[in-house]
Amino acid sequence: MQHIQEDARYHRLLGAISTLHDEVQKACILQCIPVPAPEDVAQWARVSVGSVINCTHCIMIVVLDQHDQFIGVPALDAEEAEAA
């Protein structure tokens, strides 16, 4: 039962972070609102600040793990470099 409750909290937090990510992108583009603090996210998602920080760390680990697969600098003799 506790595992199910933890999964529900985790999914709610992921949903909140996804929504928040979209809002932060809009805010950065418009430069009209500051980036929210972890405390604000925790209150909005109804979870602890530690959960927000841990989830953020997990997401950053996954993003950085995939970085080299999706982002790369072409070699100087590559066609992409010539086209740039």
C-alpha atoms as a PDB file:
ATOM      1  CA  MET A   1       0.000   0.000   0.000  1.00  0.00           C
ATOM      2  CA  GLN A   2       2.820   2.415   0.863  1.00  0.00           C
ATOM      3  CA  HIS A   3       4.554   1.623  -2.447  1.00  0.00           C
ATOM      4  CA  ILE A   4       1.388   2.580  -4.350  1.00  0.00           C
ATOM      5  CA  GLN A   5       1.157   5.871  -2.449  1.00  0.00           C
ATOM      6  CA  GLU A   6       4.809   6.637  -3.179  1.00  0.00           C
ATOM      7  CA  ASP A   7       4.264   5.878  -6.882  1.00  0.00           C
ATOM      8  CA  ALA A   8       1.236   8.177  -6.930  1.00  0.00           C
ATOM      9  CA  ARG A   9       3.266  10.985  -5.319  1.00  0.00           C
ATOM     10  CA  TYR A  10       6.126  10.405  -7.752  1.00  0.00           C
ATOM     11  CA  HIS A  11       3.807  10.565 -10.785  1.00  0.00           C
ATOM     12  CA  ARG A  12       2.115  13.675  -9.411  1.00  0.00           C
ATOM     13  CA  LEU A  13       5.533  15.277  -8.937  1.00  0.00           C
ATOM     14  CA  LEU A  14       6.624  14.353 -12.462  1.00  0.00           C
ATOM     15  CA  GLY A  15       3.422  15.857 -13.831  1.00  0.00           C
ATOM     16  CA  ALA A  16       4.010  18.997 -11.806  1.00  0.00           C
ATOM     17  CA  ILE A  17       7.599  19.270 -13.013  1.00  0.00           C
ATOM     18  CA  SER A  18       6.515  18.766 -16.620  1.00  0.00           C
ATOM     19  CA  THR A  19       3.919  21.500 -16.316  1.00  0.00           C
ATOM     20  CA  LEU A  20       6.364  23.706 -14.456  1.00  0.00           C
ATOM     21  CA  HIS A  21       8.997  23.141 -17.156  1.00  0.00           C
ATOM     22  CA  ASP A  22       6.589  24.518 -19.760  1.00  0.00           C
ATOM     23  CA  GLU A  23       5.814  27.512 -17.554  1.00  0.00           C
ATOM     24  CA  VAL A  24       9.502  28.179 -16.896  1.00  0.00           C
ATOM     25  CA  GLN A  25      10.233  28.093 -20.623  1.00  0.00           C
ATOM     26  CA  LYS A  26       7.462  30.621 -21.227  1.00  0.00           C
ATOM     27  CA  ALA A  27       8.782  32.776 -18.389  1.00  0.00           C
ATOM     28  CA  CYS A  28      12.328  32.679 -19.733  1.00  0.00           C
ATOM     29  CA  ILE A  29      11.115  33.677 -23.166  1.00  0.00           C
ATOM     30  CA  LEU A  30       8.942  36.481 -21.858  1.00  0.00           C
ATOM     31  CA  GLN A  31      11.301  37.351 -18.982  1.00  0.00           C
ATOM     32  CA  CYS A  32       8.325  38.401 -16.930  1.00  0.00           C
ATOM     33  CA  ILE A  33       8.380  36.025 -13.948  1.00  0.00           C
ATOM     34  CA  PRO A  34      11.281  34.575 -11.973  1.00  0.00           C
ATOM     35  CA  VAL A  35      12.107  30.863 -11.946  1.00  0.00           C
ATOM     36  CA  PRO A  36      10.295  29.305  -8.972  1.00  0.00           C
ATOM     37  CA  ALA A  37      12.218  28.052  -5.967  1.00  0.00           C
ATOM     38  CA  PRO A  38      12.058  24.370  -4.963  1.00  0.00           C
ATOM     39  CA  GLU A  39       9.932  25.410  -1.987  1.00  0.00           C
ATOM     40  CA  ASP A  40       7.343  26.902  -4.346  1.00  0.00           C
ATOM     41  CA  VAL A  41       7.299  23.770  -6.498  1.00  0.00           C
ATOM     42  CA  ALA A  42       6.941  21.576  -3.409  1.00  0.00           C
ATOM     43  CA  GLN A  43       4.014  23.605  -2.145  1.00  0.00           C
ATOM     44  CA  TRP A  44       2.369  23.626  -5.572  1.00  0.00           C
ATOM     45  CA  ALA A  45       2.830  19.851  -6.068  1.00  0.00           C
ATOM     46  CA  ARG A  46       1.975  19.084  -2.413  1.00  0.00           C
ATOM     47  CA  VAL A  47       5.200  17.154  -1.812  1.00  0.00           C
ATOM     48  CA  SER A  48       8.286  17.786   0.310  1.00  0.00           C
ATOM     49  CA  VAL A  49      11.136  20.015  -0.818  1.00  0.00           C
ATOM     50  CA  GLY A  50      13.426  16.979  -0.629  1.00  0.00           C
ATOM     51  CA  SER A  51      11.225  15.156  -3.147  1.00  0.00           C
ATOM     52  CA  VAL A  52      11.454  18.095  -5.549  1.00  0.00           C
ATOM     53  CA  ILE A  53      15.238  18.229  -5.221  1.00  0.00           C
ATOM     54  CA  ASN A  54      15.669  14.446  -5.566  1.00  0.00           C
ATOM     55  CA  CYS A  55      13.398  14.317  -8.607  1.00  0.00           C
ATOM     56  CA  THR A  56      15.234  17.266 -10.167  1.00  0.00           C
ATOM     57  CA  HIS A  57      18.563  15.503  -9.622  1.00  0.00           C
ATOM     58  CA  CYS A  58      17.221  12.293 -11.199  1.00  0.00           C
ATOM     59  CA  ILE A  59      15.923  14.204 -14.211  1.00  0.00           C
ATOM     60  CA  MET A  60      19.228  16.038 -14.667  1.00  0.00           C
ATOM     61  CA  ILE A  61      21.141  12.752 -14.487  1.00  0.00           C
ATOM     62  CA  VAL A  62      18.966  11.305 -17.262  1.00  0.00           C
ATOM     63  CA  VAL A  63      19.229  14.463 -19.389  1.00  0.00           C
ATOM     64  CA  LEU A  64      23.005  14.642 -19.003  1.00  0.00           C
ATOM     65  CA  ASP A  65      23.311  10.909 -19.664  1.00  0.00           C
ATOM     66  CA  GLN A  66      21.620  11.410 -23.041  1.00  0.00           C
ATOM     67  CA  HIS A  67      23.511  14.609 -23.866  1.00  0.00           C
ATOM     68  CA  ASP A  68      26.305  13.032 -25.910  1.00  0.00           C
ATOM     69  CA  GLN A  69      23.859  10.902 -27.872  1.00  0.00           C
ATOM     70  CA  PHE A  70      21.821  13.865 -29.104  1.00  0.00           C
ATOM     71  CA  ILE A  71      24.245  16.785 -29.054  1.00  0.00           C
ATOM     72  CA  GLY A  72      27.606  16.682 -30.703  1.00  0.00           C
ATOM     73  CA  VAL A  73      30.100  18.924 -32.413  1.00  0.00           C
ATOM     74  CA  PRO A  74      30.869  17.745 -35.937  1.00  0.00           C
ATOM     75  CA  ALA A  75      34.467  17.111 -36.898  1.00  0.00           C
ATOM     76  CA  LEU A  76      36.099  19.871 -38.920  1.00  0.00           C
ATOM     77  CA  ASP A  77      36.164  17.697 -42.046  1.00  0.00           C
ATOM     78  CA  ALA A  78      32.536  16.566 -41.741  1.00  0.00           C
ATOM     79  CA  GLU A  79      29.824  17.699 -44.155  1.00  0.00           C
ATOM     80  CA  GLU A  80      27.923  19.344 -41.308  1.00  0.00           C
ATOM     81  CA  ALA A  81      30.918  21.550 -40.512  1.00  0.00           C
ATOM     82  CA  GLU A  82      31.256  22.617 -44.139  1.00  0.00           C
ATOM     83  CA  ALA A  83      27.567  23.495 -44.305  1.00  0.00           C
ATOM     84  CA  ALA A  84      27.741  25.618 -41.144  1.00  0.00           C
END
